[in-house]
């Protein structure tokens, strides 16, 4: 029989002074005298021995086991490195990248050792070994990379703690040199953007397209004529750094310093607001009279750029700041020697993917019938090239008759157009449009810019028809799935875009004519006296995933776009 000591907690009715009968009734197995339930200080005492009357003998046995993990341990009781790896990008100046270490243990953890492997030119800032992390404590350290060291950075910092964890912080990057070449503007400075589209085309000609790249690959090319020191710098660069990363200022994208940038001063003041490419961490190349210097952006505010470090050179008013793009020179770079210290070079560089900051693409400026409406007029100095395409299948046994099948019930056309811009802003609208389309993936409406339809008779305001003399027009477009919208240009400079519901013949008192039934009311009179031109508004896609922009000067550019027409199907 087991005996336990203990007590009985009072019930609510016991909070007041009990009677003697109540004390006797509640005493039960307690051996204390009822009068001893209250001590001399007036405190109730319910203690007493407890006798277990059950015929049970306790059997004691020891077991070995472990702690069962829970979802709590998926997040806590470990060490976190944020981020878990560091990409330094192109290292053309001293680069500093911060990372944080969080102790999610509910106890103090000590950093006992840090070992660097393959880390020439790298160091840690803020680390003191041993270092103590309080429970749930967070500390910030920095990786500092200098320009001295091997071209490719592939290092590992191994952190050892007194907790059962060892963490490897992987650090990558490439050391880069600035290209000494300047473009010769007798030839165009080209920037190529290339997307990649996976396209499935059915036998009926309908397409399903998906973009394999969310940002384009980029290539920069220009002709240079280095001479004297630049000629020798080119030879030195190709001999020692051809296979490594270089930094190249993208000349068309530029801002100008409004105040001198003095030695020791990290703040550049611009004539305009800071550009969209000047984001924290971006590389900026300062350029003046053939001299270059690279800086890293720390922050921007209005028309000022704050760099991460100050230089030792004074940059005067008018100095240009360009985004520094990193990449590699093409494997075979050809040059022609004009003299023993003058050469002409066809320079070409592939920009490293994901090395530039991602700039948000602006929304489409105009939409029509669920698709973007592209209304930028081409430059007719580059004569448009229009090609008509029909799909045919020919069964020919090389003798006798042949059979021809037309599986695609419509005719496509490709239009090669030239667009010119007198400033960077205008050309950026075109590249933004190309980015929204993701190359061949997207669809858009574009007028043909031609006099496709000749108005025969007047249609009043509020009507929905275009009347054309004769019935030939209606016979040419029966049940057409391509020509489903029109752009009407009025002589007062306005334009209206309308969907086409049907095209049919009419024979009434006004004659036997063709009629285009549009889907919206006219807000102006449509007549030969008011209309300048009516063009078909077709659905197009880009016929190529590549767009090449030719900068004729540092502000004037042109590009060619080739579009292919599609069926105007519901979005």
Protein backbone atom coordinates (compact mmCIF):
# COMPACT_ATOMS: atom_id res chain seq x y z
CA UNK A 1 0.00 0.00 0.00
CA UNK A 2 1.40 3.38 -1.02
CA UNK A 3 1.08 6.43 1.15
CA UNK A 4 1.19 9.97 -0.28
CA UNK A 5 1.20 13.32 1.45
CA UNK A 6 -1.05 16.03 0.09
CA UNK A 7 -4.05 18.21 0.73
CA UNK A 8 -7.54 19.02 -0.46
CA UNK A 9 -8.25 22.39 -2.01
CA UNK A 10 -11.17 24.23 -0.42
CA UNK A 11 -14.52 24.53 -2.13
CA UNK A 12 -16.28 27.84 -2.41
CA UNK A 13 -18.43 27.22 0.64
CA UNK A 14 -15.28 26.64 2.65
CA UNK A 15 -14.12 30.20 2.09
CA UNK A 16 -16.25 31.15 5.10
CA UNK A 17 -15.86 29.81 8.61
CA UNK A 18 -17.31 26.24 8.63
CA UNK A 19 -19.33 24.80 11.47
CA UNK A 20 -18.00 21.99 13.59
CA UNK A 21 -20.32 19.49 11.85
CA UNK A 22 -19.00 20.59 8.45
CA UNK A 23 -15.45 20.17 9.65
CA UNK A 24 -16.15 16.65 10.87
CA UNK A 25 -17.93 15.74 7.58
CA UNK A 26 -15.06 17.04 5.38
CA UNK A 27 -12.33 15.54 7.52
CA UNK A 28 -12.73 12.03 6.17
CA UNK A 29 -9.28 10.42 5.98
CA UNK A 30 -7.44 13.37 7.51
CA UNK A 31 -6.03 12.60 10.91
CA UNK A 32 -5.70 16.20 12.03
CA UNK A 33 -8.08 17.48 14.64
CA UNK A 34 -10.77 19.75 13.10
CA UNK A 35 -9.80 22.51 15.46
CA UNK A 36 -6.30 22.54 13.94
CA UNK A 37 -7.58 23.52 10.46
CA UNK A 38 -6.96 27.13 11.35
CA UNK A 39 -3.65 28.17 12.82
CA UNK A 40 -3.16 30.96 15.29
CA UNK A 41 -2.61 33.49 12.49
CA UNK A 42 -6.06 32.81 11.08
CA UNK A 43 -4.79 30.98 7.96
CA UNK A 44 -6.72 27.89 6.90
CA UNK A 45 -4.69 24.72 6.91
CA UNK A 46 -5.98 21.83 4.80
CA UNK A 47 -2.84 19.67 5.01
CA UNK A 48 -2.73 16.12 6.25
CA UNK A 49 -1.62 12.59 5.32
CA UNK A 50 -3.34 10.88 2.37
CA UNK A 51 -3.88 7.14 2.35
CA UNK A 52 -4.31 5.34 -1.01
CA UNK A 53 -6.72 2.45 -0.39
CA UNK A 54 -6.36 1.01 -3.93
CA UNK A 55 -4.65 -2.41 -4.13
CA UNK A 56 -2.07 -1.22 -6.69
CA UNK A 57 1.70 -1.46 -6.56
CA UNK A 58 3.64 1.09 -8.67
CA UNK A 59 6.08 -0.46 -11.14
CA UNK A 60 8.93 1.79 -12.18
CA UNK A 61 10.83 1.31 -15.52
CA UNK A 62 13.30 3.50 -17.45
CA UNK A 63 13.17 4.08 -21.24
CA UNK A 64 15.55 5.78 -23.69
CA UNK A 65 14.20 8.12 -26.39
CA UNK A 66 14.62 11.37 -28.26
CA UNK A 67 12.88 14.69 -28.64
CA UNK A 68 10.13 14.60 -31.25
CA UNK A 69 10.57 17.55 -33.65
CA UNK A 70 7.62 19.79 -34.45
CA UNK A 71 6.80 22.52 -36.93
CA UNK A 72 8.27 24.94 -34.42
CA UNK A 73 11.71 23.48 -35.12
CA UNK A 74 11.32 24.01 -38.86
CA UNK A 75 11.73 27.72 -38.24
CA UNK A 76 13.48 28.09 -34.89
CA UNK A 77 16.52 26.41 -33.33
CA UNK A 78 18.84 27.08 -36.25
CA UNK A 79 21.03 29.83 -37.76
CA UNK A 80 19.98 31.84 -40.80
CA UNK A 81 22.21 33.65 -43.32
CA UNK A 82 20.31 36.28 -45.30
CA UNK A 83 20.99 36.00 -48.21
CA UNK A 84 22.38 32.47 -48.27
CA UNK A 85 24.80 33.36 -51.11
CA UNK A 86 26.21 36.60 -52.51
CA UNK A 87 26.75 37.61 -56.14
CA UNK A 88 29.06 40.61 -56.33
CA UNK A 89 28.40 41.16 -60.04
CA UNK A 90 31.03 43.07 -61.99
CA UNK A 91 33.78 44.39 -59.70
CA UNK A 92 35.27 47.50 -61.25
CA UNK A 93 35.67 49.39 -57.95
CA UNK A 94 35.63 48.26 -54.32
CA UNK A 95 32.30 46.51 -53.79
CA UNK A 96 30.59 46.00 -50.43
CA UNK A 97 27.66 43.63 -49.95
CA UNK A 98 25.85 43.25 -46.63
CA UNK A 99 24.44 40.04 -45.21
CA UNK A 100 22.73 39.23 -41.91
CA UNK A 101 23.04 36.33 -39.50
CA UNK A 102 20.05 35.52 -37.31
CA UNK A 103 20.23 33.25 -34.29
CA UNK A 104 16.78 31.68 -34.00
CA UNK A 105 17.83 29.59 -31.00
CA UNK A 106 16.34 30.49 -27.63
CA UNK A 107 19.81 30.38 -26.17
CA UNK A 108 23.06 32.24 -26.72
CA UNK A 109 25.18 30.94 -29.63
CA UNK A 110 28.83 31.78 -30.17
CA UNK A 111 30.66 32.19 -33.50
CA UNK A 112 33.94 30.35 -32.96
CA UNK A 113 35.71 30.49 -36.34
CA UNK A 114 35.52 31.87 -39.90
CA UNK A 115 37.63 30.33 -42.69
CA UNK A 116 37.95 31.85 -46.20
CA UNK A 117 38.64 29.57 -49.16
CA UNK A 118 39.76 30.90 -52.60
CA UNK A 119 39.12 34.43 -51.43
CA UNK A 120 41.99 36.54 -52.72
CA UNK A 121 40.93 40.18 -52.60
CA UNK A 122 37.95 39.45 -50.31
CA UNK A 123 37.48 40.32 -46.65
CA UNK A 124 34.77 40.43 -43.99
CA UNK A 125 33.79 43.62 -42.21
CA UNK A 126 32.19 43.70 -38.77
CA UNK A 127 33.15 40.16 -37.74
CA UNK A 128 35.01 39.61 -34.46
CA UNK A 129 35.88 36.01 -33.60
CA UNK A 130 34.69 34.87 -31.14
CA UNK A 131 31.38 36.66 -31.51
CA UNK A 132 28.28 36.13 -29.38
CA UNK A 133 24.70 35.97 -30.64
CA UNK A 134 22.02 36.50 -28.01
CA UNK A 135 18.82 34.45 -28.18
CA UNK A 136 16.90 35.49 -31.32
CA UNK A 137 19.67 38.01 -32.01
CA UNK A 138 20.48 39.48 -35.44
CA UNK A 139 23.81 40.87 -36.67
CA UNK A 140 24.86 42.45 -39.96
CA UNK A 141 28.23 41.77 -41.59
CA UNK A 142 29.72 42.84 -44.93
CA UNK A 143 31.74 41.16 -47.67
CA UNK A 144 34.25 43.59 -49.18
CA UNK A 145 35.78 42.86 -52.61
CA UNK A 146 38.69 44.83 -54.03
CA UNK A 147 39.77 45.09 -57.67
CA UNK A 148 42.97 43.14 -56.96
CA UNK A 149 42.74 39.41 -57.41
CA UNK A 150 41.81 36.83 -60.05
CA UNK A 151 39.24 37.73 -62.73
CA UNK A 152 36.65 35.23 -61.47
CA UNK A 153 35.55 35.26 -57.84
CA UNK A 154 34.38 31.91 -56.48
CA UNK A 155 35.03 31.96 -52.75
CA UNK A 156 33.52 30.39 -49.64
CA UNK A 157 33.36 31.74 -46.09
CA UNK A 158 32.89 28.85 -43.61
CA UNK A 159 31.28 29.94 -40.33
CA UNK A 160 31.61 27.62 -37.32
CA UNK A 161 29.41 27.98 -34.21
CA UNK A 162 29.20 26.21 -30.87
CA UNK A 163 25.75 25.11 -32.03
CA UNK A 164 25.64 21.91 -34.10
CA UNK A 165 25.83 23.88 -37.35
CA UNK A 166 28.48 24.97 -39.87
CA UNK A 167 27.43 27.36 -42.63
CA UNK A 168 29.15 27.96 -45.99
CA UNK A 169 28.54 31.42 -47.48
CA UNK A 170 29.24 31.21 -51.22
CA UNK A 171 30.52 34.44 -52.84
CA UNK A 172 30.75 34.85 -56.63
CA UNK A 173 31.50 37.67 -59.03
CA UNK A 174 33.83 38.84 -61.77
CA UNK A 175 36.45 41.54 -61.70
CA UNK A 176 36.02 43.89 -64.62
CA UNK A 177 38.01 46.52 -66.48
CA UNK A 178 36.57 49.52 -68.28
CA UNK A 179 36.83 49.40 -72.07
CA UNK A 180 39.18 52.09 -73.44
CA UNK A 181 37.34 52.30 -76.79
CA UNK A 182 35.19 55.21 -77.95
CA UNK A 183 32.67 54.86 -80.79
CA UNK A 184 33.45 56.35 -84.18
CA UNK A 185 30.16 58.03 -85.13
CA UNK A 186 30.81 57.64 -88.85
CA UNK A 187 29.14 54.26 -88.27
CA UNK A 188 26.11 53.45 -86.15
CA UNK A 189 26.30 52.47 -82.51
CA UNK A 190 24.01 49.43 -82.25
CA UNK A 191 22.14 47.92 -79.33
CA UNK A 192 20.48 44.57 -79.99
CA UNK A 193 17.66 43.13 -77.87
CA UNK A 194 16.79 39.44 -78.34
CA UNK A 195 13.89 37.53 -76.85
CA UNK A 196 13.13 33.86 -77.41
CA UNK A 197 9.67 32.56 -78.32
CA UNK A 198 8.48 28.97 -78.44
CA UNK A 199 5.84 28.80 -81.18
CA UNK A 200 3.38 26.06 -82.08
CA UNK A 201 1.63 26.48 -85.44
CA UNK A 202 -1.30 24.28 -86.44
CA UNK A 203 -1.97 23.15 -89.98
CA UNK A 204 -4.74 25.75 -90.19
CA UNK A 205 -2.21 28.51 -89.51
CA UNK A 206 -3.27 29.36 -85.97
CA UNK A 207 -0.50 29.87 -83.46
CA UNK A 208 0.21 29.27 -79.80
CA UNK A 209 3.23 31.19 -78.54
CA UNK A 210 5.04 31.42 -75.22
CA UNK A 211 7.98 33.57 -74.18
CA UNK A 212 11.04 31.70 -72.95
CA UNK A 213 12.74 34.89 -71.74
CA UNK A 214 11.23 37.53 -69.48
CA UNK A 215 14.09 39.94 -70.20
CA UNK A 216 15.98 40.15 -73.50
CA UNK A 217 19.56 39.21 -74.18
CA UNK A 218 21.53 42.30 -75.09
CA UNK A 219 24.43 42.98 -77.43
CA UNK A 220 26.30 46.24 -78.06
CA UNK A 221 28.42 46.96 -81.12
CA UNK A 222 30.20 49.93 -82.66
CA UNK A 223 33.16 50.87 -84.79
CA UNK A 224 36.17 52.39 -82.99
CA UNK A 225 39.38 54.02 -84.20
CA UNK A 226 41.86 53.83 -81.32
CA UNK A 227 45.15 55.62 -81.78
CA UNK A 228 48.13 56.41 -79.60
CA UNK A 229 47.49 55.53 -75.92
CA UNK A 230 44.07 54.04 -76.74
CA UNK A 231 45.70 51.81 -79.38
CA UNK A 232 48.17 50.45 -76.81
CA UNK A 233 45.40 50.12 -74.21
CA UNK A 234 43.43 48.00 -76.68
CA UNK A 235 46.40 45.69 -77.23
CA UNK A 236 46.93 45.39 -73.48
CA UNK A 237 43.25 44.68 -72.88
CA UNK A 238 43.07 41.97 -75.54
CA UNK A 239 46.29 40.34 -74.34
CA UNK A 240 45.40 40.20 -70.66
CA UNK A 241 41.62 40.48 -70.35
CA UNK A 242 39.97 39.20 -73.55
CA UNK A 243 38.35 36.24 -71.80
CA UNK A 244 37.21 38.22 -68.79
CA UNK A 245 34.44 40.69 -67.95
CA UNK A 246 34.64 44.31 -69.03
CA UNK A 247 32.56 47.36 -68.17
CA UNK A 248 31.22 49.38 -71.08
CA UNK A 249 29.38 52.71 -70.81
CA UNK A 250 26.11 52.56 -72.76
CA UNK A 251 26.54 55.88 -74.56
CA UNK A 252 22.89 56.61 -75.58
CA UNK A 253 21.72 56.41 -71.97
CA UNK A 254 23.22 59.39 -70.21
CA UNK A 255 22.70 62.21 -67.72
CA UNK A 256 24.84 65.31 -67.28
CA UNK A 257 26.41 66.71 -64.11
CA UNK A 258 25.14 70.18 -63.20
CA UNK A 259 27.83 70.77 -60.57
CA UNK A 260 31.47 69.68 -60.34
CA UNK A 261 32.06 66.38 -58.56
CA UNK A 262 35.00 67.20 -56.32
CA UNK A 263 37.56 64.73 -54.92
CA UNK A 264 36.22 63.18 -51.74
CA UNK A 265 32.61 64.08 -52.60
CA UNK A 266 30.30 61.08 -53.23
CA UNK A 267 27.25 63.15 -54.31
CA UNK A 268 26.62 63.95 -57.98
CA UNK A 269 24.11 66.70 -58.84
CA UNK A 270 22.38 66.36 -62.22
CA UNK A 271 20.57 68.73 -64.55
CA UNK A 272 17.60 66.35 -64.61
CA UNK A 273 16.06 63.87 -62.22
CA UNK A 274 17.98 60.67 -61.63
CA UNK A 275 17.28 58.17 -64.44
CA UNK A 276 15.48 54.88 -63.93
CA UNK A 277 18.69 52.88 -64.38
CA UNK A 278 20.40 54.63 -61.43
CA UNK A 279 19.24 52.23 -58.72
CA UNK A 280 21.16 51.23 -55.57
CA UNK A 281 23.94 48.82 -56.50
CA UNK A 282 24.07 49.84 -60.18
CA UNK A 283 27.39 50.65 -61.84
CA UNK A 284 27.80 54.17 -63.23
CA UNK A 285 30.58 55.22 -65.61
CA UNK A 286 31.63 58.88 -65.48
CA UNK A 287 32.94 60.13 -68.83
CA UNK A 288 34.68 63.36 -69.76
CA UNK A 289 37.16 64.05 -72.58
CA UNK A 290 38.07 60.39 -73.04
CA UNK A 291 38.56 59.70 -69.32
CA UNK A 292 36.46 57.13 -67.49
CA UNK A 293 35.79 56.20 -63.88
CA UNK A 294 33.33 53.73 -62.40
CA UNK A 295 31.21 54.28 -59.31
CA UNK A 296 28.52 52.33 -57.46
CA UNK A 297 25.14 53.87 -56.66
CA UNK A 298 24.26 53.96 -52.97
CA UNK A 299 21.01 55.95 -53.19
CA UNK A 300 19.17 58.50 -55.35
CA UNK A 301 16.99 61.47 -54.47
CA UNK A 302 15.42 63.79 -57.03
CA UNK A 303 18.35 65.08 -59.14
CA UNK A 304 21.17 63.69 -56.98
CA UNK A 305 23.01 60.38 -57.04
CA UNK A 306 24.91 59.31 -53.93
CA UNK A 307 27.78 56.92 -54.65
CA UNK A 308 29.11 54.31 -52.25
CA UNK A 309 32.58 55.88 -52.32
CA UNK A 310 34.28 59.11 -53.30
CA UNK A 311 36.97 59.33 -55.95
CA UNK A 312 40.22 61.24 -56.16
CA UNK A 313 39.45 62.91 -59.51
CA UNK A 314 37.58 66.16 -60.11
CA UNK A 315 34.82 65.79 -62.69
CA UNK A 316 33.70 69.14 -64.18
CA UNK A 317 30.25 70.43 -65.07
CA UNK A 318 29.05 68.69 -68.22
CA UNK A 319 30.54 65.32 -67.28
CA UNK A 320 28.29 62.53 -68.52
CA UNK A 321 27.18 59.62 -66.40
CA UNK A 322 26.28 56.41 -68.23
CA UNK A 323 25.05 53.05 -66.97
CA UNK A 324 27.95 50.63 -66.91
CA UNK A 325 26.97 47.35 -68.56
CA UNK A 326 29.14 44.31 -67.97
CA UNK A 327 29.83 41.53 -70.42
CA UNK A 328 32.45 39.86 -72.55
CA UNK A 329 34.00 40.84 -75.86
CA UNK A 330 33.15 38.47 -78.70
CA UNK A 331 35.57 35.58 -79.08
CA UNK A 332 36.99 36.81 -82.41
CA UNK A 333 37.51 40.56 -82.57
CA UNK A 334 38.83 41.77 -85.93
CA UNK A 335 40.70 45.02 -86.49
CA UNK A 336 42.44 46.73 -89.39
CA UNK A 337 45.74 48.55 -88.83
CA UNK A 338 45.78 51.94 -90.52
CA UNK A 339 49.29 52.78 -89.27
CA UNK A 340 51.60 51.30 -86.67
CA UNK A 341 49.59 52.98 -83.87
CA UNK A 342 46.12 53.47 -85.42
CA UNK A 343 43.50 50.76 -85.92
CA UNK A 344 39.84 50.41 -86.80
CA UNK A 345 37.94 47.87 -84.71
CA UNK A 346 34.48 46.37 -85.14
CA UNK A 347 33.76 46.05 -81.44
CA UNK A 348 31.02 43.77 -80.16
CA UNK A 349 30.13 42.78 -76.61
CA UNK A 350 27.55 40.36 -75.22
CA UNK A 351 26.04 41.80 -72.06
CA UNK A 352 25.96 39.33 -69.18
CA UNK A 353 22.33 38.21 -68.61
CA UNK A 354 20.73 39.51 -65.40
CA UNK A 355 23.66 41.88 -64.79
CA UNK A 356 21.53 45.00 -65.28
CA UNK A 357 18.84 46.18 -62.87
CA UNK A 358 15.34 45.23 -63.95
CA UNK A 359 13.43 48.39 -64.87
CA UNK A 360 9.60 48.14 -64.80
CA UNK A 361 8.05 48.31 -68.26
CA UNK A 362 5.42 51.07 -68.59
CA UNK A 363 1.85 50.10 -69.37
CA UNK A 364 0.54 50.34 -72.92
CA UNK A 365 -0.39 53.96 -73.76
CA UNK A 366 -3.49 52.88 -75.73
CA UNK A 367 -5.65 49.76 -75.94
CA UNK A 368 -8.26 48.70 -78.50
CA UNK A 369 -10.52 45.68 -78.43
CA UNK A 370 -8.40 43.94 -75.78
CA UNK A 371 -5.02 44.46 -77.45
CA UNK A 372 -2.39 47.18 -77.41
CA UNK A 373 -2.84 49.82 -80.11
CA UNK A 374 0.47 50.71 -81.78
CA UNK A 375 0.18 54.07 -83.53
CA UNK A 376 3.79 55.21 -84.01
CA UNK A 377 4.18 56.30 -87.62
CA UNK A 378 7.04 54.83 -89.65
CA UNK A 379 9.66 56.91 -91.42
CA UNK A 380 9.01 56.60 -95.15
CA UNK A 381 12.64 57.41 -95.92
CA UNK A 382 13.12 53.70 -95.33
CA UNK A 383 10.61 52.41 -97.88
CA UNK A 384 8.19 49.90 -96.33
CA UNK A 385 8.53 46.37 -97.60
CA UNK A 386 5.27 44.35 -97.74
CA UNK A 387 5.28 40.61 -98.44
CA UNK A 388 2.10 38.56 -98.92
CA UNK A 389 2.23 34.98 -97.67
CA UNK A 390 -0.16 32.12 -98.42
CA UNK A 391 0.36 28.53 -97.29
CA UNK A 392 0.14 25.84 -99.96
CA UNK A 393 0.57 22.09 -99.96
CA UNK A 394 1.45 20.60 -103.34
CA UNK A 395 1.11 16.92 -104.16
CA UNK A 396 3.42 16.28 -107.11
CA UNK A 397 4.75 12.91 -108.33
CA UNK A 398 7.04 14.69 -110.81
CA UNK A 399 4.83 13.54 -113.65
CA UNK A 400 1.28 14.16 -114.71
CA UNK A 401 -1.12 16.37 -112.83
CA UNK A 402 -0.51 17.95 -109.43
CA UNK A 403 -2.88 18.63 -106.53
CA UNK A 404 -2.72 21.84 -104.52
CA UNK A 405 -4.28 22.26 -101.08
CA UNK A 406 -4.72 25.46 -99.08
CA UNK A 407 -4.92 24.43 -95.39
CA UNK A 408 -4.69 28.06 -94.18
CA UNK A 409 -7.86 29.93 -95.19
CA UNK A 410 -6.35 33.42 -94.98
CA UNK A 411 -3.42 35.35 -96.44
CA UNK A 412 -0.82 36.85 -94.11
CA UNK A 413 1.43 39.78 -94.80
CA UNK A 414 4.70 40.93 -93.31
CA UNK A 415 5.53 44.62 -93.12
CA UNK A 416 9.08 45.83 -92.67
CA UNK A 417 8.99 49.40 -91.35
CA UNK A 418 11.63 51.91 -90.28
CA UNK A 419 11.13 54.08 -87.21
CA UNK A 420 13.24 57.12 -86.33
CA UNK A 421 13.54 59.03 -83.07
CA UNK A 422 15.31 62.31 -82.39
CA UNK A 423 15.93 61.57 -78.71
CA UNK A 424 16.35 58.72 -76.26
CA UNK A 425 12.83 59.10 -74.85
CA UNK A 426 11.23 58.48 -78.23
CA UNK A 427 13.31 55.40 -78.92
CA UNK A 428 12.64 54.06 -75.44
CA UNK A 429 8.92 54.07 -76.24
CA UNK A 430 9.67 51.69 -79.11
CA UNK A 431 11.89 49.41 -77.02
CA UNK A 432 9.27 49.42 -74.25
CA UNK A 433 6.68 48.34 -76.82
CA UNK A 434 8.99 45.52 -77.94
CA UNK A 435 9.48 44.52 -74.29
CA UNK A 436 5.72 44.42 -73.66
CA UNK A 437 5.30 42.11 -76.64
CA UNK A 438 8.23 39.90 -75.49
CA UNK A 439 9.36 39.63 -79.10
CA UNK A 440 7.08 37.42 -81.21
CA UNK A 441 4.88 36.40 -78.30
CA UNK A 442 2.48 39.35 -78.04
CA UNK A 443 -0.23 40.62 -80.40
CA UNK A 444 -1.19 44.19 -81.15
CA UNK A 445 -3.28 46.33 -83.48
CA UNK A 446 -1.50 48.50 -86.03
CA UNK A 447 -2.89 50.40 -89.02
CA UNK A 448 -1.42 49.71 -92.43
CA UNK A 449 -0.88 53.49 -92.91
CA UNK A 450 -2.22 53.08 -96.45
CA UNK A 451 -5.34 54.30 -98.31
CA UNK A 452 -7.09 50.93 -98.21
CA UNK A 453 -10.71 52.08 -98.37
CA UNK A 454 -12.23 54.88 -100.46
CA UNK A 455 -15.43 56.40 -99.03
CA UNK A 456 -18.15 56.62 -101.67
CA UNK A 457 -21.13 58.18 -99.90
CA UNK A 458 -21.73 60.06 -96.65
CA UNK A 459 -22.66 58.40 -93.34
CA UNK A 460 -24.20 60.67 -90.67
CA UNK A 461 -23.19 61.02 -87.02
CA UNK A 462 -24.56 58.12 -84.96
CA UNK A 463 -24.60 55.69 -87.89
CA UNK A 464 -22.41 52.59 -88.10
CA UNK A 465 -21.64 52.19 -91.78
CA UNK A 466 -19.03 53.04 -94.38
CA UNK A 467 -20.45 53.04 -97.91
CA UNK A 468 -18.14 52.23 -100.80
CA UNK A 469 -19.03 52.63 -104.46
CA UNK A 470 -19.59 49.35 -106.29
CA UNK A 471 -19.91 45.77 -105.09
CA UNK A 472 -16.37 44.60 -105.85
CA UNK A 473 -15.14 45.51 -102.37
CA UNK A 474 -17.75 43.32 -100.65
CA UNK A 475 -16.90 40.41 -102.96
CA UNK A 476 -13.20 40.65 -102.05
CA UNK A 477 -13.76 40.31 -98.29
CA UNK A 478 -16.44 37.64 -97.73
CA UNK A 479 -16.36 36.09 -94.21
CA UNK A 480 -12.91 37.58 -93.69
CA UNK A 481 -11.16 36.80 -90.34
CA UNK A 482 -8.21 39.16 -90.82
CA UNK A 483 -9.75 42.50 -91.78
CA UNK A 484 -11.91 43.07 -88.70
CA UNK A 485 -11.13 46.70 -87.77
CA UNK A 486 -10.46 50.04 -89.45
CA UNK A 487 -8.66 53.28 -88.63
CA UNK A 488 -10.39 56.37 -90.04
CA UNK A 489 -8.25 59.53 -90.32
CA UNK A 490 -10.22 62.74 -90.67
CA UNK A 491 -9.02 65.92 -92.29
CA UNK A 492 -9.28 67.81 -88.99
CA UNK A 493 -6.48 65.61 -87.59
CA UNK A 494 -8.64 63.31 -85.48
CA UNK A 495 -8.79 59.54 -85.83
CA UNK A 496 -11.41 56.94 -84.91
CA UNK A 497 -10.82 53.21 -84.53
CA UNK A 498 -13.77 50.88 -85.13
CA UNK A 499 -14.32 47.14 -85.20
CA UNK A 500 -15.87 45.62 -88.34
CA UNK A 501 -19.00 43.54 -87.79
CA UNK A 502 -19.70 42.59 -91.40
CA UNK A 503 -19.13 43.52 -95.04
CA UNK A 504 -22.02 43.12 -97.45
CA UNK A 505 -23.64 44.37 -100.66
CA UNK A 506 -26.57 46.78 -100.74
CA UNK A 507 -28.86 47.74 -103.59
CA UNK A 508 -31.12 50.72 -102.88
CA UNK A 509 -32.03 54.14 -104.20
CA UNK A 510 -28.43 55.32 -103.70
CA UNK A 511 -27.05 52.55 -105.89
CA UNK A 512 -25.55 49.08 -105.79
CA UNK A 513 -22.67 49.44 -103.34
CA UNK A 514 -20.56 47.75 -100.66
CA UNK A 515 -21.14 48.52 -96.98
CA UNK A 516 -18.86 48.03 -93.98
CA UNK A 517 -20.87 47.63 -90.78
CA UNK A 518 -18.81 48.84 -87.80
CA UNK A 519 -19.42 48.06 -84.14
CA UNK A 520 -19.57 51.59 -82.71
CA UNK A 521 -21.35 54.84 -83.59
CA UNK A 522 -19.58 57.51 -85.60
CA UNK A 523 -18.96 60.75 -83.72
CA UNK A 524 -18.30 62.61 -86.97
CA UNK A 525 -19.74 62.60 -90.47
CA UNK A 526 -17.95 60.02 -92.60
CA UNK A 527 -17.86 61.33 -96.16
CA UNK A 528 -15.38 62.06 -98.97
CA UNK A 529 -15.26 65.67 -97.73
CA UNK A 530 -14.34 64.83 -94.11
CA UNK A 531 -12.18 61.72 -94.40
CA UNK A 532 -8.55 61.88 -95.41
CA UNK A 533 -7.66 58.17 -95.29
CA UNK A 534 -9.17 54.89 -94.11
CA UNK A 535 -6.67 52.12 -93.32
CA UNK A 536 -7.21 48.55 -92.26
CA UNK A 537 -6.42 48.04 -88.58
CA UNK A 538 -4.89 44.57 -88.48
CA UNK A 539 -3.70 42.31 -85.70
CA UNK A 540 0.06 41.85 -85.93
CA UNK A 541 2.88 40.21 -84.04
CA UNK A 542 6.58 40.79 -84.44
CA UNK A 543 8.08 38.52 -87.08
CA UNK A 544 11.39 38.35 -85.20
CA UNK A 545 12.51 38.06 -81.59
CA UNK A 546 15.38 40.47 -82.27
CA UNK A 547 15.26 44.27 -82.36
CA UNK A 548 18.37 46.22 -83.37
CA UNK A 549 18.49 49.92 -82.55
CA UNK A 550 20.98 51.96 -84.57
CA UNK A 551 22.15 55.15 -82.88
CA UNK A 552 23.28 57.52 -85.62
CA UNK A 553 24.42 60.01 -82.96
CA UNK A 554 24.27 59.88 -79.19
CA UNK A 555 20.65 61.11 -79.38
CA UNK A 556 19.25 60.22 -82.85
CA UNK A 557 18.33 56.60 -83.51
CA UNK A 558 16.44 54.38 -85.89
CA UNK A 559 15.27 50.79 -85.92
CA UNK A 560 13.53 48.39 -88.26
CA UNK A 561 10.57 46.30 -87.17
CA UNK A 562 9.04 43.48 -89.17
CA UNK A 563 5.45 42.59 -88.29
CA UNK A 564 3.33 39.66 -89.44
CA UNK A 565 -0.46 39.88 -89.65
CA UNK A 566 -2.69 37.35 -87.89
CA UNK A 567 -6.36 36.47 -87.73
CA UNK A 568 -8.35 38.92 -85.63
CA UNK A 569 -9.69 36.39 -83.14
CA UNK A 570 -11.36 37.19 -79.79
CA UNK A 571 -8.88 37.84 -77.01
